């Protein structure tokens, strides 16, 4: 019976595929770092231009949702429509939390703190999801492997930022908003796990991106964009960033539906490291020894978190 059940599992439940897809999604999100940096440069955007970043994020996420919506209607036909007002409220709430609030706090906080502190604070969401999953899901308990894995993941993120201006300063609109971003990120992960029981992950991703993106576009109306320019390269990269969001969010939502949040979330520690590697490739930034050590540390953490704690016991028997 067990073998039959295993054979009937889809690719989002089979460990090799889960690992490959989770790594792929994390690399896609990591590629956003150099892509957005080049996009901002091409558009002559100032580093502290908050409203322009919100505008680009709004365009990116709304476009990603519309691309997914077209694909959903082409492949799912009538099933691409939300079935009830309750489902509509769920995806609207997810869009506000996952996209609008999360990125609003992230961009605002990052503009008022150092990139290194922002990266480390943002990685705390992964830590909190794994911890909270222990109390929410009976089959996702903490064990010694997970605790060690979390430590290796946090150490990895800290190492990659070790020479980037860390200090103990704190401001509400800087580090404070980064912590708010963490809170919305954690909340959205558990919302996805719950909502995906009744709503297809692709539809969750589609509609939350559209709703969240539209809210960000409304926020961006407070800006002034006379100095912005749009080059062909910037337009192409903006389209790519929309595609990566569409694919990464849909993959991640589907993985969350079929897997334990406490295990799958560990792969998100790869995002800042893959961003560093891709920045080295496309921006000519140097890959330091810290980045290499960080990658090793995070990979060890992923292996520990996803390792069956009963393997040692089985061997001893």
C-alpha atoms as a PDB file:
ATOM      1  CA  UNK A   1       0.000   0.000   0.000  1.00  0.00           C
ATOM      2  CA  UNK A   2       2.781   2.454   0.914  1.00  0.00           C
ATOM      3  CA  UNK A   3       4.646   1.738  -2.322  1.00  0.00           C
ATOM      4  CA  UNK A   4       1.457   2.357  -4.291  1.00  0.00           C
ATOM      5  CA  UNK A   5       0.907   5.695  -2.537  1.00  0.00           C
ATOM      6  CA  UNK A   6       4.481   6.749  -3.217  1.00  0.00           C
ATOM      7  CA  UNK A   7       4.091   5.910  -6.934  1.00  0.00           C
ATOM      8  CA  UNK A   8       0.978   8.078  -7.124  1.00  0.00           C
ATOM      9  CA  UNK A   9       2.727  11.168  -5.785  1.00  0.00           C
ATOM     10  CA  UNK A  10       3.184  14.111  -8.158  1.00  0.00           C
ATOM     11  CA  UNK A  11       6.561  15.733  -8.806  1.00  0.00           C
ATOM     12  CA  UNK A  12       5.937  18.300  -6.078  1.00  0.00           C
ATOM     13  CA  UNK A  13       5.944  15.482  -3.531  1.00  0.00           C
ATOM     14  CA  UNK A  14       8.991  13.537  -4.746  1.00  0.00           C
ATOM     15  CA  UNK A  15      12.154  14.563  -2.906  1.00  0.00           C
ATOM     16  CA  UNK A  16      14.528  14.937  -5.895  1.00  0.00           C
ATOM     17  CA  UNK A  17      11.976  17.112  -7.718  1.00  0.00           C
ATOM     18  CA  UNK A  18      11.150  19.090  -4.578  1.00  0.00           C
ATOM     19  CA  UNK A  19      14.844  19.914  -4.090  1.00  0.00           C
ATOM     20  CA  UNK A  20      15.367  20.805  -7.757  1.00  0.00           C
ATOM     21  CA  UNK A  21      12.260  23.016  -7.973  1.00  0.00           C
ATOM     22  CA  UNK A  22      12.928  24.747  -4.628  1.00  0.00           C
ATOM     23  CA  UNK A  23      16.519  25.520  -5.685  1.00  0.00           C
ATOM     24  CA  UNK A  24      15.298  26.744  -9.083  1.00  0.00           C
ATOM     25  CA  UNK A  25      12.711  29.062  -7.497  1.00  0.00           C
ATOM     26  CA  UNK A  26      15.334  30.439  -5.092  1.00  0.00           C
ATOM     27  CA  UNK A  27      17.766  31.092  -7.951  1.00  0.00           C
ATOM     28  CA  UNK A  28      15.001  32.870  -9.881  1.00  0.00           C
ATOM     29  CA  UNK A  29      14.355  35.154  -6.899  1.00  0.00           C
ATOM     30  CA  UNK A  30      18.116  35.602  -6.474  1.00  0.00           C
ATOM     31  CA  UNK A  31      18.385  36.754 -10.094  1.00  0.00           C
ATOM     32  CA  UNK A  32      16.106  39.677  -9.226  1.00  0.00           C
ATOM     33  CA  UNK A  33      19.027  41.375  -7.396  1.00  0.00           C
ATOM     34  CA  UNK A  34      21.235  42.031 -10.460  1.00  0.00           C
ATOM     35  CA  UNK A  35      18.231  42.397 -12.798  1.00  0.00           C
ATOM     36  CA  UNK A  36      16.631  45.159 -10.729  1.00  0.00           C
ATOM     37  CA  UNK A  37      19.982  46.874 -10.182  1.00  0.00           C
ATOM     38  CA  UNK A  38      20.580  47.043 -13.953  1.00  0.00           C
ATOM     39  CA  UNK A  39      16.959  48.124 -14.527  1.00  0.00           C
ATOM     40  CA  UNK A  40      17.306  50.990 -12.041  1.00  0.00           C
ATOM     41  CA  UNK A  41      20.550  52.117 -13.712  1.00  0.00           C
ATOM     42  CA  UNK A  42      19.006  51.952 -17.191  1.00  0.00           C
ATOM     43  CA  UNK A  43      16.068  54.067 -16.020  1.00  0.00           C
ATOM     44  CA  UNK A  44      18.368  56.631 -14.333  1.00  0.00           C
ATOM     45  CA  UNK A  45      16.695  55.946 -11.004  1.00  0.00           C
ATOM     46  CA  UNK A  46      18.236  57.372  -7.843  1.00  0.00           C
ATOM     47  CA  UNK A  47      19.108  54.873  -5.149  1.00  0.00           C
ATOM     48  CA  UNK A  48      16.781  56.528  -2.632  1.00  0.00           C
ATOM     49  CA  UNK A  49      13.865  57.023  -5.063  1.00  0.00           C
ATOM     50  CA  UNK A  50      11.243  55.121  -3.066  1.00  0.00           C
ATOM     51  CA  UNK A  51       8.213  55.837  -5.268  1.00  0.00           C
ATOM     52  CA  UNK A  52       9.999  54.798  -8.462  1.00  0.00           C
ATOM     53  CA  UNK A  53      10.899  51.441  -6.877  1.00  0.00           C
ATOM     54  CA  UNK A  54       7.295  50.970  -5.768  1.00  0.00           C
ATOM     55  CA  UNK A  55       6.158  51.852  -9.319  1.00  0.00           C
ATOM     56  CA  UNK A  56       8.505  49.276 -10.873  1.00  0.00           C
ATOM     57  CA  UNK A  57       7.431  46.660  -8.323  1.00  0.00           C
ATOM     58  CA  UNK A  58       3.764  47.424  -9.043  1.00  0.00           C
ATOM     59  CA  UNK A  59       4.290  47.069 -12.805  1.00  0.00           C
ATOM     60  CA  UNK A  60       6.345  43.902 -12.292  1.00  0.00           C
ATOM     61  CA  UNK A  61       3.822  42.112 -10.076  1.00  0.00           C
ATOM     62  CA  UNK A  62       0.702  43.243 -11.955  1.00  0.00           C
ATOM     63  CA  UNK A  63       2.260  42.140 -15.247  1.00  0.00           C
ATOM     64  CA  UNK A  64       3.329  38.822 -13.685  1.00  0.00           C
ATOM     65  CA  UNK A  65      -0.230  38.218 -12.498  1.00  0.00           C
ATOM     66  CA  UNK A  66      -1.722  39.108 -15.895  1.00  0.00           C
ATOM     67  CA  UNK A  67       0.711  36.764 -17.680  1.00  0.00           C
ATOM     68  CA  UNK A  68      -0.283  33.985 -15.287  1.00  0.00           C
ATOM     69  CA  UNK A  69      -3.962  34.816 -15.726  1.00  0.00           C
ATOM     70  CA  UNK A  70      -3.674  34.428 -19.495  1.00  0.00           C
ATOM     71  CA  UNK A  71      -1.879  31.111 -19.046  1.00  0.00           C
ATOM     72  CA  UNK A  72      -4.443  29.930 -16.477  1.00  0.00           C
ATOM     73  CA  UNK A  73      -7.407  30.673 -18.763  1.00  0.00           C
ATOM     74  CA  UNK A  74      -5.633  28.991 -21.695  1.00  0.00           C
ATOM     75  CA  UNK A  75      -4.903  25.798 -19.744  1.00  0.00           C
ATOM     76  CA  UNK A  76      -7.602  25.649 -17.061  1.00  0.00           C
ATOM     77  CA  UNK A  77     -10.517  27.275 -18.970  1.00  0.00           C
ATOM     78  CA  UNK A  78     -13.454  27.955 -16.637  1.00  0.00           C
ATOM     79  CA  UNK A  79     -11.540  26.559 -13.637  1.00  0.00           C
ATOM     80  CA  UNK A  80      -9.324  29.659 -13.787  1.00  0.00           C
ATOM     81  CA  UNK A  81     -12.156  31.700 -12.303  1.00  0.00           C
ATOM     82  CA  UNK A  82     -12.467  32.104  -8.549  1.00  0.00           C
ATOM     83  CA  UNK A  83     -15.365  29.974  -7.324  1.00  0.00           C
ATOM     84  CA  UNK A  84     -16.769  32.182  -4.589  1.00  0.00           C
ATOM     85  CA  UNK A  85     -16.607  35.542  -2.851  1.00  0.00           C
ATOM     86  CA  UNK A  86     -14.788  33.759   0.006  1.00  0.00           C
ATOM     87  CA  UNK A  87     -12.004  32.735  -2.408  1.00  0.00           C
ATOM     88  CA  UNK A  88     -11.904  36.312  -3.714  1.00  0.00           C
ATOM     89  CA  UNK A  89     -11.404  37.632  -0.161  1.00  0.00           C
ATOM     90  CA  UNK A  90      -8.627  35.092   0.447  1.00  0.00           C
ATOM     91  CA  UNK A  91      -6.569  36.039  -2.616  1.00  0.00           C
ATOM     92  CA  UNK A  92      -7.213  39.742  -1.983  1.00  0.00           C
ATOM     93  CA  UNK A  93      -5.919  39.395   1.578  1.00  0.00           C
ATOM     94  CA  UNK A  94      -2.933  37.357   0.395  1.00  0.00           C
ATOM     95  CA  UNK A  95      -2.123  39.994  -2.232  1.00  0.00           C
ATOM     96  CA  UNK A  96      -2.194  42.750   0.384  1.00  0.00           C
ATOM     97  CA  UNK A  97       0.006  40.819   2.832  1.00  0.00           C
ATOM     98  CA  UNK A  98       2.359  38.940   0.465  1.00  0.00           C
ATOM     99  CA  UNK A  99       2.916  41.627  -2.155  1.00  0.00           C
ATOM    100  CA  UNK A 100       1.688  45.083  -1.118  1.00  0.00           C
ATOM    101  CA  UNK A 101       2.634  45.240   2.583  1.00  0.00           C
ATOM    102  CA  UNK A 102       5.635  42.925   2.334  1.00  0.00           C
ATOM    103  CA  UNK A 103       7.339  44.861  -0.450  1.00  0.00           C
ATOM    104  CA  UNK A 104       6.226  48.248   0.852  1.00  0.00           C
ATOM    105  CA  UNK A 105       7.957  47.552   4.185  1.00  0.00           C
ATOM    106  CA  UNK A 106      10.900  45.882   2.428  1.00  0.00           C
ATOM    107  CA  UNK A 107      11.663  48.748   0.038  1.00  0.00           C
ATOM    108  CA  UNK A 108      11.083  51.420   2.671  1.00  0.00           C
ATOM    109  CA  UNK A 109      13.176  49.597   5.263  1.00  0.00           C
ATOM    110  CA  UNK A 110      15.984  48.829   2.823  1.00  0.00           C
ATOM    111  CA  UNK A 111      16.155  52.507   1.810  1.00  0.00           C
ATOM    112  CA  UNK A 112      16.772  53.430   5.450  1.00  0.00           C
ATOM    113  CA  UNK A 113      19.283  50.765   6.492  1.00  0.00           C
ATOM    114  CA  UNK A 114      22.324  49.026   5.022  1.00  0.00           C
ATOM    115  CA  UNK A 115      21.909  46.244   2.455  1.00  0.00           C
ATOM    116  CA  UNK A 116      23.725  43.807   4.754  1.00  0.00           C
ATOM    117  CA  UNK A 117      21.468  44.440   7.757  1.00  0.00           C
ATOM    118  CA  UNK A 118      18.417  44.293   5.499  1.00  0.00           C
ATOM    119  CA  UNK A 119      19.512  40.957   4.045  1.00  0.00           C
ATOM    120  CA  UNK A 120      20.158  39.417   7.463  1.00  0.00           C
ATOM    121  CA  UNK A 121      16.869  40.686   8.934  1.00  0.00           C
ATOM    122  CA  UNK A 122      14.966  39.439   5.861  1.00  0.00           C
ATOM    123  CA  UNK A 123      16.462  35.958   6.314  1.00  0.00           C
ATOM    124  CA  UNK A 124      14.903  35.784   9.784  1.00  0.00           C
ATOM    125  CA  UNK A 125      11.548  35.037   8.129  1.00  0.00           C
ATOM    126  CA  UNK A 126      12.911  31.628   7.118  1.00  0.00           C
ATOM    127  CA  UNK A 127      13.984  30.965  10.695  1.00  0.00           C
ATOM    128  CA  UNK A 128      10.592  32.002  12.106  1.00  0.00           C
ATOM    129  CA  UNK A 129       8.593  29.891   9.627  1.00  0.00           C
ATOM    130  CA  UNK A 130      10.538  26.770  10.610  1.00  0.00           C
ATOM    131  CA  UNK A 131      10.069  27.534  14.319  1.00  0.00           C
ATOM    132  CA  UNK A 132       6.351  28.381  14.044  1.00  0.00           C
ATOM    133  CA  UNK A 133       5.651  25.318  11.878  1.00  0.00           C
ATOM    134  CA  UNK A 134       6.613  23.227  14.922  1.00  0.00           C
ATOM    135  CA  UNK A 135       3.643  24.649  16.844  1.00  0.00           C
ATOM    136  CA  UNK A 136       1.147  24.733  13.947  1.00  0.00           C
ATOM    137  CA  UNK A 137       1.649  21.374  12.205  1.00  0.00           C
ATOM    138  CA  UNK A 138       1.920  18.065  14.063  1.00  0.00           C
ATOM    139  CA  UNK A 139       4.015  16.497  11.267  1.00  0.00           C
ATOM    140  CA  UNK A 140       6.522  19.377  11.060  1.00  0.00           C
ATOM    141  CA  UNK A 141       8.207  19.226  14.455  1.00  0.00           C
ATOM    142  CA  UNK A 142      11.593  20.650  15.331  1.00  0.00           C
ATOM    143  CA  UNK A 143      14.448  18.247  15.913  1.00  0.00           C
ATOM    144  CA  UNK A 144      18.203  18.537  16.417  1.00  0.00           C
ATOM    145  CA  UNK A 145      18.842  18.402  12.653  1.00  0.00           C
ATOM    146  CA  UNK A 146      16.464  21.297  11.982  1.00  0.00           C
ATOM    147  CA  UNK A 147      17.912  23.430  14.776  1.00  0.00           C
ATOM    148  CA  UNK A 148      21.445  22.871  13.487  1.00  0.00           C
ATOM    149  CA  UNK A 149      20.272  23.501   9.920  1.00  0.00           C
ATOM    150  CA  UNK A 150      18.702  26.830  10.892  1.00  0.00           C
ATOM    151  CA  UNK A 151      21.949  27.881  12.597  1.00  0.00           C
ATOM    152  CA  UNK A 152      23.988  27.003   9.504  1.00  0.00           C
ATOM    153  CA  UNK A 153      21.528  28.974   7.339  1.00  0.00           C
ATOM    154  CA  UNK A 154      21.678  32.108   9.485  1.00  0.00           C
ATOM    155  CA  UNK A 155      25.479  31.835   9.757  1.00  0.00           C
ATOM    156  CA  UNK A 156      25.617  31.571   5.958  1.00  0.00           C
ATOM    157  CA  UNK A 157      23.589  34.760   5.459  1.00  0.00           C
ATOM    158  CA  UNK A 158      25.662  36.590   8.109  1.00  0.00           C
ATOM    159  CA  UNK A 159      28.955  35.507   6.504  1.00  0.00           C
ATOM    160  CA  UNK A 160      27.968  36.733   3.030  1.00  0.00           C
ATOM    161  CA  UNK A 161      27.364  40.195   4.570  1.00  0.00           C
ATOM    162  CA  UNK A 162      30.292  40.196   7.018  1.00  0.00           C
ATOM    163  CA  UNK A 163      32.130  43.191   5.542  1.00  0.00           C
ATOM    164  CA  UNK A 164      29.129  45.251   4.478  1.00  0.00           C
ATOM    165  CA  UNK A 165      28.660  47.836   7.181  1.00  0.00           C
ATOM    166  CA  UNK A 166      26.941  46.005  10.014  1.00  0.00           C
ATOM    167  CA  UNK A 167      26.233  48.065  13.125  1.00  0.00           C
ATOM    168  CA  UNK A 168      23.825  48.182  16.067  1.00  0.00           C
ATOM    169  CA  UNK A 169      21.813  51.232  14.973  1.00  0.00           C
ATOM    170  CA  UNK A 170      18.013  50.992  14.774  1.00  0.00           C
ATOM    171  CA  UNK A 171      15.252  53.143  13.287  1.00  0.00           C
ATOM    172  CA  UNK A 172      11.552  52.473  12.881  1.00  0.00           C
ATOM    173  CA  UNK A 173      11.504  53.228   9.151  1.00  0.00           C
ATOM    174  CA  UNK A 174      14.731  51.275   8.577  1.00  0.00           C
ATOM    175  CA  UNK A 175      15.325  48.120  10.611  1.00  0.00           C
ATOM    176  CA  UNK A 176      11.797  48.405  12.066  1.00  0.00           C
ATOM    177  CA  UNK A 177      10.149  48.240   8.653  1.00  0.00           C
ATOM    178  CA  UNK A 178      12.419  45.317   7.706  1.00  0.00           C
ATOM    179  CA  UNK A 179      11.034  43.435  10.715  1.00  0.00           C
ATOM    180  CA  UNK A 180       7.491  44.312   9.572  1.00  0.00           C
ATOM    181  CA  UNK A 181       8.445  42.880   6.176  1.00  0.00           C
ATOM    182  CA  UNK A 182       9.575  39.685   7.924  1.00  0.00           C
ATOM    183  CA  UNK A 183       6.249  39.472   9.788  1.00  0.00           C
ATOM    184  CA  UNK A 184       4.192  39.807   6.587  1.00  0.00           C
ATOM    185  CA  UNK A 185       6.429  37.269   4.832  1.00  0.00           C
ATOM    186  CA  UNK A 186       5.928  34.724   7.621  1.00  0.00           C
ATOM    187  CA  UNK A 187       2.170  35.333   7.742  1.00  0.00           C
ATOM    188  CA  UNK A 188       1.818  34.924   3.974  1.00  0.00           C
ATOM    189  CA  UNK A 189       3.593  31.541   3.988  1.00  0.00           C
ATOM    190  CA  UNK A 190       1.066  30.083   6.413  1.00  0.00           C
ATOM    191  CA  UNK A 191      -1.785  31.775   4.537  1.00  0.00           C
ATOM    192  CA  UNK A 192      -0.650  30.042   1.324  1.00  0.00           C
ATOM    193  CA  UNK A 193      -0.423  26.667   3.090  1.00  0.00           C
ATOM    194  CA  UNK A 194      -3.993  27.109   4.342  1.00  0.00           C
ATOM    195  CA  UNK A 195      -5.571  28.658   1.228  1.00  0.00           C
ATOM    196  CA  UNK A 196      -3.977  26.130  -1.180  1.00  0.00           C
ATOM    197  CA  UNK A 197      -6.231  23.424   0.272  1.00  0.00           C
ATOM    198  CA  UNK A 198      -9.209  24.929  -1.554  1.00  0.00           C
ATOM    199  CA  UNK A 199      -7.665  27.209  -4.219  1.00  0.00           C
ATOM    200  CA  UNK A 200      -5.269  26.016  -6.941  1.00  0.00           C
ATOM    201  CA  UNK A 201      -1.717  27.320  -6.251  1.00  0.00           C
ATOM    202  CA  UNK A 202      -1.523  28.893  -9.700  1.00  0.00           C
ATOM    203  CA  UNK A 203      -4.716  30.866  -9.056  1.00  0.00           C
ATOM    204  CA  UNK A 204      -3.434  31.927  -5.638  1.00  0.00           C
ATOM    205  CA  UNK A 205      -0.271  33.215  -7.264  1.00  0.00           C
ATOM    206  CA  UNK A 206      -2.130  34.813 -10.184  1.00  0.00           C
ATOM    207  CA  UNK A 207      -4.697  36.823  -8.285  1.00  0.00           C
ATOM    208  CA  UNK A 208      -2.521  37.818  -5.330  1.00  0.00           C
ATOM    209  CA  UNK A 209       0.077  39.219  -7.750  1.00  0.00           C
ATOM    210  CA  UNK A 210      -2.584  41.211  -9.610  1.00  0.00           C
ATOM    211  CA  UNK A 211      -4.272  42.566  -6.477  1.00  0.00           C
ATOM    212  CA  UNK A 212      -0.993  43.246  -4.666  1.00  0.00           C
ATOM    213  CA  UNK A 213       0.545  44.852  -7.745  1.00  0.00           C
ATOM    214  CA  UNK A 214      -2.439  47.170  -8.283  1.00  0.00           C
ATOM    215  CA  UNK A 215      -2.213  48.396  -4.669  1.00  0.00           C
ATOM    216  CA  UNK A 216       1.484  49.173  -5.213  1.00  0.00           C
ATOM    217  CA  UNK A 217       0.632  51.106  -8.394  1.00  0.00           C
ATOM    218  CA  UNK A 218      -1.885  53.141  -6.395  1.00  0.00           C
ATOM    219  CA  UNK A 219       0.792  53.889  -3.762  1.00  0.00           C
ATOM    220  CA  UNK A 220       3.191  54.966  -6.538  1.00  0.00           C
ATOM    221  CA  UNK A 221       0.764  57.711  -7.636  1.00  0.00           C
ATOM    222  CA  UNK A 222       2.370  59.871  -4.942  1.00  0.00           C
ATOM    223  CA  UNK A 223       5.661  59.978  -6.862  1.00  0.00           C
ATOM    224  CA  UNK A 224       7.113  62.220  -9.567  1.00  0.00           C
ATOM    225  CA  UNK A 225       8.801  60.467 -12.496  1.00  0.00           C
ATOM    226  CA  UNK A 226       9.910  63.170 -14.927  1.00  0.00           C
ATOM    227  CA  UNK A 227      13.580  62.080 -14.750  1.00  0.00           C
ATOM    228  CA  UNK A 228      12.927  58.384 -15.413  1.00  0.00           C
ATOM    229  CA  UNK A 229      13.815  56.937 -18.814  1.00  0.00           C
ATOM    230  CA  UNK A 230      12.824  53.628 -20.423  1.00  0.00           C
ATOM    231  CA  UNK A 231      15.432  51.903 -22.575  1.00  0.00           C
ATOM    232  CA  UNK A 232      14.860  48.671 -24.553  1.00  0.00           C
ATOM    233  CA  UNK A 233      17.109  46.831 -22.081  1.00  0.00           C
ATOM    234  CA  UNK A 234      15.145  48.168 -19.103  1.00  0.00           C
ATOM    235  CA  UNK A 235      11.876  47.097 -20.750  1.00  0.00           C
ATOM    236  CA  UNK A 236      13.235  43.621 -21.452  1.00  0.00           C
ATOM    237  CA  UNK A 237      14.531  43.207 -17.908  1.00  0.00           C
ATOM    238  CA  UNK A 238      11.212  44.414 -16.484  1.00  0.00           C
ATOM    239  CA  UNK A 239       9.447  41.739 -18.531  1.00  0.00           C
ATOM    240  CA  UNK A 240      11.944  39.140 -17.298  1.00  0.00           C
ATOM    241  CA  UNK A 241      11.408  40.193 -13.673  1.00  0.00           C
ATOM    242  CA  UNK A 242       7.642  39.759 -14.179  1.00  0.00           C
ATOM    243  CA  UNK A 243       8.187  36.286 -15.653  1.00  0.00           C
ATOM    244  CA  UNK A 244      10.506  35.237 -12.828  1.00  0.00           C
ATOM    245  CA  UNK A 245       7.926  36.387 -10.265  1.00  0.00           C
ATOM    246  CA  UNK A 246       5.144  34.477 -12.029  1.00  0.00           C
ATOM    247  CA  UNK A 247       7.153  31.256 -12.198  1.00  0.00           C
ATOM    248  CA  UNK A 248       8.817  31.492  -8.782  1.00  0.00           C
ATOM    249  CA  UNK A 249       5.633  32.338  -6.857  1.00  0.00           C
ATOM    250  CA  UNK A 250       3.643  29.574  -8.575  1.00  0.00           C
ATOM    251  CA  UNK A 251       6.345  26.975  -7.972  1.00  0.00           C
ATOM    252  CA  UNK A 252       6.732  28.038  -4.348  1.00  0.00           C
ATOM    253  CA  UNK A 253       3.011  28.024  -3.626  1.00  0.00           C
ATOM    254  CA  UNK A 254       2.701  24.530  -5.093  1.00  0.00           C
ATOM    255  CA  UNK A 255       5.685  23.298  -3.079  1.00  0.00           C
ATOM    256  CA  UNK A 256       4.167  24.782   0.085  1.00  0.00           C
ATOM    257  CA  UNK A 257       0.877  23.026  -0.623  1.00  0.00           C
ATOM    258  CA  UNK A 258       2.441  19.561  -0.805  1.00  0.00           C
ATOM    259  CA  UNK A 259       5.382  19.857   1.608  1.00  0.00           C
ATOM    260  CA  UNK A 260       6.172  20.812   5.186  1.00  0.00           C
ATOM    261  CA  UNK A 261       6.827  24.575   5.489  1.00  0.00           C
ATOM    262  CA  UNK A 262       9.549  23.873   8.077  1.00  0.00           C
ATOM    263  CA  UNK A 263      11.539  21.893   5.504  1.00  0.00           C
ATOM    264  CA  UNK A 264      10.825  23.667   2.224  1.00  0.00           C
ATOM    265  CA  UNK A 265      11.466  27.167   3.615  1.00  0.00           C
ATOM    266  CA  UNK A 266      15.121  26.325   4.286  1.00  0.00           C
ATOM    267  CA  UNK A 267      15.840  26.626   0.566  1.00  0.00           C
ATOM    268  CA  UNK A 268      15.057  30.366   0.716  1.00  0.00           C
ATOM    269  CA  UNK A 269      18.399  30.900   2.447  1.00  0.00           C
ATOM    270  CA  UNK A 270      19.868  30.329  -1.036  1.00  0.00           C
ATOM    271  CA  UNK A 271      18.282  33.537  -2.390  1.00  0.00           C
ATOM    272  CA  UNK A 272      20.882  36.097  -1.175  1.00  0.00           C
ATOM    273  CA  UNK A 273      23.777  33.759  -2.039  1.00  0.00           C
ATOM    274  CA  UNK A 274      22.495  33.054  -5.558  1.00  0.00           C
ATOM    275  CA  UNK A 275      21.971  36.813  -5.880  1.00  0.00           C
ATOM    276  CA  UNK A 276      25.632  37.352  -4.999  1.00  0.00           C
ATOM    277  CA  UNK A 277      26.802  34.769  -7.562  1.00  0.00           C
ATOM    278  CA  UNK A 278      24.557  36.139 -10.318  1.00  0.00           C
ATOM    279  CA  UNK A 279      25.652  39.701  -9.519  1.00  0.00           C
ATOM    280  CA  UNK A 280      29.238  38.546  -9.996  1.00  0.00           C
ATOM    281  CA  UNK A 281      28.342  37.074 -13.399  1.00  0.00           C
ATOM    282  CA  UNK A 282      26.221  39.942 -14.764  1.00  0.00           C
ATOM    283  CA  UNK A 283      27.588  42.959 -12.900  1.00  0.00           C
ATOM    284  CA  UNK A 284      31.220  41.959 -12.637  1.00  0.00           C
ATOM    285  CA  UNK A 285      31.109  41.971  -8.838  1.00  0.00           C
ATOM    286  CA  UNK A 286      33.744  39.872  -7.107  1.00  0.00           C
ATOM    287  CA  UNK A 287      32.882  36.496  -5.607  1.00  0.00           C
ATOM    288  CA  UNK A 288      34.583  36.626  -2.241  1.00  0.00           C
ATOM    289  CA  UNK A 289      35.648  33.756  -0.008  1.00  0.00           C
ATOM    290  CA  UNK A 290      32.754  34.764   2.278  1.00  0.00           C
ATOM    291  CA  UNK A 291      30.228  33.995  -0.486  1.00  0.00           C
ATOM    292  CA  UNK A 292      31.749  30.552  -1.057  1.00  0.00           C
ATOM    293  CA  UNK A 293      31.772  29.742   2.672  1.00  0.00           C
ATOM    294  CA  UNK A 294      28.218  31.075   2.960  1.00  0.00           C
ATOM    295  CA  UNK A 295      27.009  28.759   0.182  1.00  0.00           C
ATOM    296  CA  UNK A 296      28.632  25.737   1.848  1.00  0.00           C
ATOM    297  CA  UNK A 297      27.095  26.672   5.206  1.00  0.00           C
ATOM    298  CA  UNK A 298      23.598  27.074   3.719  1.00  0.00           C
ATOM    299  CA  UNK A 299      23.822  23.806   1.753  1.00  0.00           C
ATOM    300  CA  UNK A 300      24.810  21.984   4.959  1.00  0.00           C
ATOM    301  CA  UNK A 301      21.815  23.614   6.657  1.00  0.00           C
ATOM    302  CA  UNK A 302      19.450  22.484   3.878  1.00  0.00           C
ATOM    303  CA  UNK A 303      20.754  18.910   4.083  1.00  0.00           C
ATOM    304  CA  UNK A 304      20.335  18.837   7.864  1.00  0.00           C
ATOM    305  CA  UNK A 305      16.800  20.256   7.829  1.00  0.00           C
ATOM    306  CA  UNK A 306      15.650  17.821   5.130  1.00  0.00           C
ATOM    307  CA  UNK A 307      17.477  14.793   6.527  1.00  0.00           C
ATOM    308  CA  UNK A 308      15.315  12.048   7.993  1.00  0.00           C
ATOM    309  CA  UNK A 309      16.038  12.113  11.763  1.00  0.00           C
ATOM    310  CA  UNK A 310      15.362   8.378  11.951  1.00  0.00           C
ATOM    311  CA  UNK A 311      18.139   7.370   9.536  1.00  0.00           C
ATOM    312  CA  UNK A 312      20.714   6.967  12.269  1.00  0.00           C
ATOM    313  CA  UNK A 313      18.287   4.982  14.394  1.00  0.00           C
ATOM    314  CA  UNK A 314      17.445   2.642  11.520  1.00  0.00           C
ATOM    315  CA  UNK A 315      21.129   1.947  10.865  1.00  0.00           C
ATOM    316  CA  UNK A 316      21.821   1.240  14.529  1.00  0.00           C
ATOM    317  CA  UNK A 317      19.080  -1.361  14.499  1.00  0.00           C
END
